[in-house]
Each structure stands twice: as C-alpha cells, then as structure tokens.
Protein backbone atom coordinates (compact mmCIF):
# COMPACT_ATOMS: atom_id res chain seq x y z
CA MET A 1 -38.79 24.01 -4.65
CA THR A 2 -40.72 26.97 -6.02
CA ALA A 3 -42.23 26.34 -9.46
CA PRO A 4 -41.42 28.72 -12.34
CA ASP A 5 -43.79 31.64 -12.96
CA ASP A 6 -45.45 29.84 -15.90
CA GLY A 7 -46.92 27.30 -13.50
CA THR A 8 -44.99 24.29 -14.79
CA GLY A 9 -42.81 22.13 -12.53
CA PRO A 10 -39.09 21.57 -12.93
CA GLU A 11 -38.02 19.62 -16.00
CA PHE A 12 -36.24 16.27 -15.83
CA SER A 13 -32.92 17.88 -16.68
CA HIS A 14 -33.19 20.23 -13.70
CA LEU A 15 -34.11 17.45 -11.29
CA PHE A 16 -31.39 15.16 -12.65
CA ALA A 17 -28.73 17.85 -12.37
CA ALA A 18 -29.76 18.64 -8.78
CA LEU A 19 -29.43 15.05 -7.46
CA PRO A 20 -26.86 15.06 -4.61
CA VAL A 21 -25.21 11.85 -5.85
CA ALA A 22 -23.29 11.02 -9.02
CA VAL A 23 -25.53 9.29 -11.58
CA LEU A 24 -24.85 7.81 -15.02
CA VAL A 25 -27.68 6.66 -17.29
CA VAL A 26 -26.61 3.90 -19.69
CA ASP A 27 -28.49 2.79 -22.83
CA PRO A 28 -29.02 -0.84 -23.96
CA GLU A 29 -25.82 -0.66 -26.05
CA GLY A 30 -23.75 0.10 -22.97
CA ARG A 31 -23.21 3.75 -23.91
CA ILE A 32 -23.65 6.75 -21.65
CA ALA A 33 -26.86 8.70 -22.32
CA HIS A 34 -26.85 11.13 -19.37
CA ALA A 35 -24.53 12.21 -16.53
CA ASN A 36 -25.49 14.69 -13.81
CA ALA A 37 -23.40 17.48 -12.28
CA ASP A 38 -22.13 15.40 -9.33
CA CYS A 39 -21.00 12.73 -11.78
CA GLU A 40 -19.14 15.33 -13.87
CA ALA A 41 -17.33 16.51 -10.72
CA LEU A 42 -16.49 13.01 -9.48
CA LEU A 43 -15.20 11.73 -12.84
CA ASN A 44 -13.63 15.05 -13.90
CA LEU A 45 -15.44 14.89 -17.25
CA SER A 46 -18.27 16.93 -18.74
CA GLU A 47 -21.56 15.28 -19.67
CA ARG A 48 -20.99 16.35 -23.29
CA ALA A 49 -17.67 14.44 -23.35
CA MET A 50 -19.27 11.34 -21.83
CA ILE A 51 -22.46 11.06 -23.91
CA GLY A 52 -22.15 8.29 -26.49
CA GLN A 53 -19.03 6.81 -24.91
CA PRO A 54 -18.99 3.18 -23.68
CA VAL A 55 -19.10 3.06 -19.90
CA GLU A 56 -15.75 1.24 -19.92
CA ALA A 57 -14.11 4.25 -21.57
CA VAL A 58 -14.99 6.40 -18.57
CA LEU A 59 -15.29 4.01 -15.63
CA GLN A 60 -14.18 0.42 -15.05
CA SER A 61 -17.18 -1.43 -13.64
CA PRO A 62 -16.40 -3.77 -10.71
CA ARG A 63 -18.81 -6.39 -12.06
CA ALA A 64 -17.30 -9.05 -14.29
CA ASP A 65 -20.07 -9.08 -16.92
CA ASN A 66 -20.09 -5.26 -17.33
CA GLY A 67 -23.81 -5.13 -16.59
CA ARG A 68 -25.02 -7.03 -19.65
CA ASP A 69 -27.39 -9.32 -17.70
CA SER A 70 -30.89 -8.69 -16.33
CA HIS A 71 -29.93 -8.06 -12.72
CA GLY A 72 -28.86 -5.10 -10.63
CA PHE A 73 -25.53 -4.96 -8.85
CA ALA A 74 -24.01 -3.31 -5.78
CA ALA A 75 -20.47 -3.11 -4.38
CA PHE A 76 -19.59 -1.01 -1.36
CA ASP A 77 -16.41 0.81 -0.34
CA ILE A 78 -14.39 -0.26 -3.37
CA GLU A 79 -11.79 1.44 -5.56
CA VAL A 80 -12.68 1.86 -9.23
CA GLU A 81 -10.45 3.11 -12.05
CA THR A 82 -11.62 6.17 -13.96
CA ALA A 83 -10.32 7.70 -17.20
CA ARG A 84 -9.68 11.20 -15.84
CA ALA A 85 -9.91 11.09 -12.03
CA GLY A 86 -7.64 8.11 -11.33
CA ARG A 87 -8.78 5.61 -8.73
CA VAL A 88 -11.73 6.69 -6.58
CA ARG A 89 -13.29 4.90 -3.60
CA VAL A 90 -17.05 4.66 -3.96
CA ASP A 91 -20.20 2.69 -3.24
CA PHE A 92 -21.14 1.45 -6.72
CA ILE A 93 -24.85 0.68 -7.26
CA GLU A 94 -26.32 -0.30 -10.62
CA THR A 95 -30.11 -0.62 -11.10
CA LEU A 96 -32.36 -1.43 -14.03
CA VAL A 97 -34.73 1.26 -15.34
CA ALA A 98 -38.29 -0.07 -15.05
CA ASP A 99 -40.25 -0.38 -18.32
CA TYR A 100 -37.13 0.43 -20.37
CA PRO A 101 -35.42 -2.90 -21.20
CA GLY A 102 -31.63 -2.70 -21.24
CA TRP A 103 -31.43 0.79 -19.72
CA ARG A 104 -29.49 1.13 -16.47
CA ALA A 105 -28.74 3.80 -13.89
CA ILE A 106 -25.36 3.74 -12.10
CA THR A 107 -24.95 5.73 -8.88
CA LEU A 108 -21.56 6.45 -7.34
CA HIS A 109 -21.61 7.43 -3.68
CA HIS A 110 -18.27 8.83 -2.57
CA ALA A 111 -17.22 6.34 0.13
CA ALA A 112 -15.40 8.93 2.23
CA ALA A 113 -18.66 10.84 2.65
CA SER A 114 -20.79 7.75 3.24
CA ARG A 115 -18.61 6.61 6.15
CA ARG A 116 -18.79 9.76 8.29
CA MET A 117 -19.63 8.65 11.83
CA GLY A 118 -19.97 10.15 15.29
CA HIS A 119 -18.00 9.72 18.50
CA SER A 120 -19.86 6.55 19.46
CA ALA A 121 -18.52 4.81 16.34
CA ASP A 122 -14.99 6.02 17.21
CA ARG A 123 -15.32 4.51 20.69
CA ALA A 124 -16.59 1.24 19.22
CA SER A 125 -13.63 1.18 16.84
CA ALA A 126 -11.18 1.78 19.69
CA ALA A 127 -12.75 -1.02 21.73
CA ARG A 128 -12.57 -3.33 18.75
CA ALA A 129 -8.89 -2.54 18.29
CA ALA A 130 -8.16 -3.28 21.96
CA VAL A 131 -9.94 -6.63 21.78
CA GLY A 132 -8.19 -7.35 18.50
CA ALA A 133 -4.76 -6.74 20.04
CA ALA A 134 -5.40 -9.34 22.73
CA ALA A 135 -6.80 -11.76 20.17
CA MET A 136 -3.72 -11.23 18.00
CA LEU A 137 -1.41 -12.30 20.80
CA ALA A 138 -3.41 -15.46 21.48
CA HIS A 139 -3.56 -16.23 17.76
CA GLU A 140 0.19 -15.92 17.27
CA ILE A 141 1.12 -18.03 20.31
CA LYS A 142 -0.87 -20.98 18.91
CA ASN A 143 1.58 -21.44 16.02
CA PRO A 144 4.69 -22.41 18.03
CA LEU A 145 2.57 -24.27 20.61
CA SER A 146 1.34 -26.56 17.85
CA GLY A 147 4.92 -27.48 16.95
CA ILE A 148 5.88 -27.98 20.61
CA ARG A 149 2.93 -30.28 21.22
CA GLY A 150 3.71 -32.35 18.13
CA ALA A 151 7.37 -32.68 19.08
CA ALA A 152 6.44 -33.71 22.63
CA GLN A 153 4.11 -36.41 21.30
CA LEU A 154 6.90 -37.79 19.13
CA LEU A 155 9.23 -37.86 22.15
CA ALA A 156 6.62 -39.64 24.24
CA GLY A 157 6.32 -42.26 21.54
CA GLY A 158 10.01 -43.06 21.84
CA GLY A 159 10.79 -42.08 18.26
CA GLU A 160 14.24 -41.34 16.94
CA GLY A 161 15.77 -37.88 16.82
CA ALA A 162 15.13 -37.00 20.48
CA GLU A 163 17.90 -34.41 20.60
CA GLU A 164 16.59 -32.60 17.51
CA LEU A 165 13.03 -32.58 18.90
CA THR A 166 14.10 -31.20 22.29
CA THR A 167 16.09 -28.47 20.51
CA LEU A 168 13.00 -27.60 18.51
CA ILE A 169 10.90 -27.39 21.71
CA THR A 170 13.46 -25.16 23.44
CA THR A 171 13.73 -22.84 20.43
CA GLU A 172 9.96 -22.46 20.13
CA VAL A 173 9.49 -21.83 23.88
CA ASP A 174 12.11 -19.08 23.70
CA ARG A 175 10.31 -17.63 20.70
CA ILE A 176 6.99 -17.54 22.59
CA ALA A 177 8.64 -15.60 25.41
CA ALA A 178 10.14 -13.14 22.94
CA LEU A 179 6.80 -12.84 21.16
CA ILE A 180 4.96 -11.95 24.37
CA ASP A 181 7.60 -9.37 25.24
CA ARG A 182 7.37 -7.73 21.82
CA MET A 183 3.64 -7.95 21.10
CA GLN A 184 2.06 -6.01 23.95
CA ASP A 185 -0.33 -4.72 21.30
CA PHE A 186 -0.67 -4.79 17.54
CA THR A 187 0.45 -1.19 17.16
CA ASP A 188 3.91 -1.82 18.59
CA THR A 189 6.10 0.68 16.74
CA ARG A 190 9.47 -0.47 18.05
CA PRO A 191 11.74 -0.94 15.03
CA LEU A 192 12.95 -4.36 13.95
CA ASN A 193 16.63 -5.02 13.48
CA PRO A 194 17.05 -6.47 9.97
CA VAL A 195 20.48 -7.96 9.26
CA PRO A 196 21.83 -10.02 6.36
CA GLU A 197 20.65 -13.61 6.85
CA ASN A 198 20.85 -16.86 4.95
CA ILE A 199 17.12 -17.56 4.75
CA TYR A 200 17.42 -21.31 4.16
CA PRO A 201 17.95 -22.30 7.82
CA LEU A 202 14.86 -20.18 8.67
CA LEU A 203 12.78 -21.87 5.98
CA ASP A 204 13.98 -25.31 7.08
CA HIS A 205 13.13 -24.60 10.73
CA ALA A 206 9.66 -23.33 9.78
CA ARG A 207 9.05 -26.43 7.65
CA ARG A 208 10.04 -28.77 10.50
CA VAL A 209 7.83 -26.92 13.00
CA ALA A 210 4.90 -27.13 10.58
CA LEU A 211 5.38 -30.85 9.86
CA ALA A 212 5.64 -31.62 13.59
CA GLY A 213 2.34 -29.84 14.29
CA PHE A 214 -0.33 -28.18 12.19
CA ALA A 215 0.89 -29.47 8.79
CA ARG A 216 1.62 -33.09 9.68
CA ASP A 217 -0.86 -34.31 7.02
CA VAL A 218 0.43 -31.97 4.32
CA THR A 219 3.22 -32.49 1.81
CA ILE A 220 5.69 -29.58 1.89
CA GLU A 221 7.94 -29.37 -1.15
CA GLU A 222 10.95 -27.12 -1.73
CA ARG A 223 11.86 -25.32 -4.96
CA PHE A 224 14.90 -23.25 -4.08
CA ASP A 225 17.38 -21.12 -5.99
CA PRO A 226 20.72 -22.43 -4.68
CA SER A 227 22.56 -19.21 -5.56
CA LEU A 228 20.29 -16.89 -3.57
CA PRO A 229 22.30 -14.23 -1.67
CA PRO A 230 21.54 -13.22 1.95
CA ALA A 231 18.33 -11.29 2.58
CA LEU A 232 17.94 -8.32 4.91
CA VAL A 233 15.56 -9.67 7.58
CA ASP A 234 14.81 -9.81 11.28
CA ARG A 235 15.19 -13.49 12.11
CA ASP A 236 12.30 -13.85 14.57
CA ALA A 237 9.95 -11.73 12.47
CA MET A 238 10.78 -13.69 9.31
CA LEU A 239 10.20 -17.01 11.05
CA GLN A 240 6.87 -15.75 12.34
CA VAL A 241 5.85 -14.65 8.84
CA ILE A 242 6.66 -18.02 7.25
CA LEU A 243 4.92 -19.99 10.01
CA ASN A 244 1.80 -17.87 9.64
CA LEU A 245 1.69 -18.46 5.90
CA LEU A 246 2.30 -22.21 6.28
CA LYS A 247 -0.47 -22.44 8.88
CA ASN A 248 -2.91 -20.48 6.71
CA ALA A 249 -2.15 -22.74 3.76
CA SER A 250 -2.62 -25.88 5.87
CA GLU A 251 -5.96 -24.67 7.22
CA ALA A 252 -7.17 -23.78 3.72
CA MET A 253 -6.66 -27.42 2.66
CA VAL A 254 -7.87 -29.17 5.82
CA HIS A 255 -10.38 -31.36 3.93
CA GLN A 256 -8.23 -31.82 0.82
CA ALA A 257 -6.74 -35.27 0.18
CA ASP A 258 -3.90 -34.02 -2.04
CA ALA A 259 -2.90 -31.07 0.18
CA ARG A 260 0.46 -29.74 -0.94
CA ILE A 261 2.53 -26.67 -0.05
CA THR A 262 5.57 -25.48 -1.99
CA LEU A 263 8.24 -23.22 -0.54
CA SER A 264 10.10 -21.49 -3.35
CA THR A 265 12.82 -18.85 -3.62
CA ALA A 266 14.17 -16.82 -6.52
CA PHE A 267 16.31 -13.79 -7.28
CA ARG A 268 14.34 -11.19 -9.27
CA HIS A 269 16.64 -8.83 -11.16
CA GLY A 270 15.20 -5.35 -11.56
CA MET A 271 12.42 -5.79 -8.99
CA ALA A 272 11.96 -2.51 -7.10
CA VAL A 273 9.11 -0.64 -5.37
CA SER A 274 8.55 2.75 -3.80
CA ALA A 275 7.95 2.55 -0.06
CA ALA A 276 5.79 5.70 -0.16
CA PRO A 277 4.68 8.35 -2.69
CA GLY A 278 7.61 10.58 -3.58
CA ARG A 279 10.16 8.18 -2.13
CA PRO A 280 12.85 6.56 -4.31
CA ARG A 281 12.26 3.02 -5.50
CA GLN A 282 14.07 0.37 -3.46
CA PRO A 283 15.36 -2.87 -4.97
CA LEU A 284 13.58 -5.94 -3.57
CA PRO A 285 15.19 -8.82 -5.46
CA ILE A 286 14.79 -11.61 -2.86
CA GLU A 287 11.57 -13.55 -3.51
CA ILE A 288 10.11 -16.12 -1.12
CA CYS A 289 6.82 -17.80 -2.06
CA VAL A 290 4.46 -19.98 -0.05
CA ILE A 291 2.27 -21.78 -2.61
CA ASP A 292 -0.62 -24.14 -1.94
CA ASN A 293 -3.08 -26.04 -4.13
CA GLY A 294 -6.09 -25.01 -2.05
CA PRO A 295 -9.15 -23.03 -3.20
CA GLY A 296 -7.76 -19.56 -2.44
CA ALA A 297 -9.45 -16.66 -0.69
CA PRO A 298 -13.12 -15.83 -1.34
CA ALA A 299 -13.37 -13.33 -4.19
CA ASP A 300 -15.15 -10.71 -2.07
CA ILE A 301 -12.22 -10.38 0.37
CA ALA A 302 -9.25 -11.13 -1.90
CA ASP A 303 -8.35 -7.44 -2.19
CA HIS A 304 -8.50 -6.95 1.59
CA LEU A 305 -6.66 -10.01 2.91
CA PHE A 306 -4.00 -7.97 4.71
CA ASP A 307 -6.50 -5.65 6.45
CA PRO A 308 -7.07 -6.35 10.17
CA PHE A 309 -10.21 -8.33 11.03
CA ILE A 310 -10.72 -9.60 7.45
CA SER A 311 -10.90 -13.39 7.30
CA GLY A 312 -12.33 -16.06 5.04
CA LYS A 313 -12.47 -18.59 7.89
CA PRO A 314 -15.76 -19.07 9.79
CA GLU A 315 -13.97 -18.66 13.12
CA GLY A 316 -11.08 -16.55 11.85
CA GLN A 317 -10.10 -13.31 13.53
CA GLY A 318 -8.54 -11.72 10.47
CA LEU A 319 -5.33 -11.01 12.38
CA GLY A 320 -2.61 -13.32 11.10
CA LEU A 321 -2.17 -11.83 7.62
CA ALA A 322 -2.43 -8.29 8.97
CA LEU A 323 0.54 -9.03 11.23
CA VAL A 324 2.41 -10.73 8.38
CA ASP A 325 1.98 -7.60 6.25
CA LYS A 326 3.17 -5.36 9.09
CA LEU A 327 6.27 -7.45 9.81
CA VAL A 328 7.25 -7.69 6.15
CA ARG A 329 6.85 -3.92 5.71
CA ASP A 330 8.87 -3.32 8.90
CA MET A 331 11.70 -5.28 7.26
CA GLY A 332 11.50 -3.03 4.19
CA GLY A 333 9.70 -5.56 1.99
CA ILE A 334 6.24 -6.21 0.58
CA ILE A 335 3.90 -9.22 0.44
CA GLN A 336 1.40 -9.97 -2.32
CA TYR A 337 -1.46 -12.44 -2.79
CA ALA A 338 -2.30 -13.98 -6.17
CA ARG A 339 -3.94 -16.94 -7.86
CA GLU A 340 -1.54 -18.18 -10.53
CA GLY A 341 -0.64 -21.11 -12.75
CA MET A 342 -2.48 -23.95 -14.49
CA PRO A 343 -4.11 -25.43 -12.50
CA GLU A 344 -4.51 -22.34 -10.33
CA ALA A 345 -2.64 -22.21 -7.03
CA THR A 346 -2.62 -19.75 -4.15
CA VAL A 347 0.61 -17.74 -3.98
CA PHE A 348 1.81 -15.52 -1.15
CA ARG A 349 4.88 -13.75 -2.54
CA ILE A 350 7.32 -11.96 -0.22
CA LEU A 351 9.82 -9.54 -1.77
CA LEU A 352 12.74 -8.44 0.44
CA PRO A 353 15.87 -6.28 0.24
CA ARG A 354 19.18 -7.98 -0.38
CA GLY A 355 21.64 -8.11 2.50
CA SER A 356 25.31 -7.36 1.92
CA SER A 357 27.26 -10.42 0.89
C-alpha cells in the first residue's frame, strides 16, 4: 500500500475497512463498537446502525454463554440467524482483544467461500461416496440378520412358538433379498410405492424382530392411539426405518441398566409442512415416535444427525440415519430429532401423510 503524500501510514479505520473478512468489535458490555465493510455486506446492515446495539440484536451467537466468559470460541460451517440477512452459513470465530479486558473481536468467514476446493477434493469425495454406498448395504443387512440369528437360537433351544419364529425368519430373509435388489447404491432414485397401511402390524413386527435380536435386553413399551387412521407408506421402507431407529436406540443404551424404548403414535390435527420452497404445504398428521431414555446425540452433531457419514458412535459409519431420512422423505414425510420431557428423553419423530380410509 502506498502511504499518503503527508508521509503518514493508513489509519486504523482504513485498515479495518479493508480487511477481507467480516469483523465485529464488541465492548465489555456486549455492545457493538465497530463493524467493517465486509461485515456490513454480510449482515445487510450499516456500521452506523449496528454501533451501540447488543450483539444479540444483530447476530445470534452459537455459543451458549454469549461470550461473557474469559475464553475465545470457534464454530465452523454453521448456520447463524441474523436480524436482516436471515440465516447465513459461516465459520464463527471469537477472540479476546489483548490488553483490553472484556473486549472481543468476532470474525465471520462465509462458509461457501472457505470450502472452495480443487478437482482432487472432488475425486476424494466421489471415492468416499462409493465406499459409503457399499458400507450402507452392509450396515442395513445387519439389522434383519440380528433378528434371524436370535430367532434361530430360540428354535435351537426348543422354546415354544416355533411356527411364529420360522415365519419371522422367512420374512426377514425375504426382506434381505429385496433390500439387496433395491440398494445397489445409496443414490437409488427409483420411486417408492406408498399405499394406505395400518401401521400397527408393521410396528409389532419391528418390535418382535428387535426383541429377538439386538434389543433382547431392552424393555420396549407401546403408547398407541387406537383410533389412528391408515398412513401412506411403503411397507418395506417403513419397516426398515423403524428397525433402524430401534437399533440406534438400543445401541445408545448398551451400558444402561434401565434401558427402555417407547413406541408411540398420535394423530396431529393441523400438522403440515412444505416439501420445498414455493410448494404448497402438505398435511402430515400421522405421528410415530421412537423414544429412548438414553443420553442422546453429542451436542456438536445433533444438528447434523441425518447427514451421511455423521455418527456419534466410535465405530459408526453415519449411514443409518441418513437412509432413514431419505426413506421417510421418499414416502412424503419428515423425521425430526429432539430431546424432550422431564427427565429428558431422546425422541425421533416421524410425520407421515394420511392414507385414504
């Protein structure tokens, strides 16, 4: 940079305005003292309008304590809510200003720009997706195999109900064959065939498969709405969804003495969502919940549970919930994760269209 003719260097205001990243300077009272040009553009607000305002009035910080402690903070590739620009995806970095107690600088790197990569990264991503597709198939086959193995052990022990157990084995073997045919890769775009179904036989079958295999040490309770109308579902896809959720819940409580899962249903009047921006809202009144009293997902991945390759398990592949989300969406529904109740419980809530009576 060429210095001005008077021999002095650029002033702080010039340097601050020229920084190629959005920066907010916050005083010890939590109010904005400065904002540079990139910050004005990102937040769609002028510095004059921001000065003196609490940070929370302009930008919702992702940190729970709103920066009132003596430590810095960083969160990458997250969505934050802004007053004028809506939700923006950024890398949020907050640092303390040395020698000025209580003063902080917040930088907002636009995540879309920070993730630009070359062709080598694209090839790595493609390879990862190919490996993930194969891993997905192996992951999904393990669910019915667990039930088959448990049923076979009960038969070998000479227990009662042999006919019911052999029927369960036959049904699950047929489902594995259908699964292999359908899941050649995770991006299979062939449409499902949702039809009106009474979901209770599906839920009962999933419960029996779970109790015969991966959930044999877990109590599975039912809390059903007896007047629930048929739901619009694909039978095999719906069974796969429920088994995945039951297995996840069981694995989350593997070392828990009081492990308990609740299957619940309800009819939600007025529940509707838009499948895509600009599309009409569709009623989704059929609610199916898989609830467990385990610890829930780690906080740092709770917002990304349904993304491929995101997992809170040490050896998890992050594939099961991604498939669950895809199958539910393919049936015209949505699935949500939450921690609810007192004491808190983990809730996976499926909302589906109603089938014709």
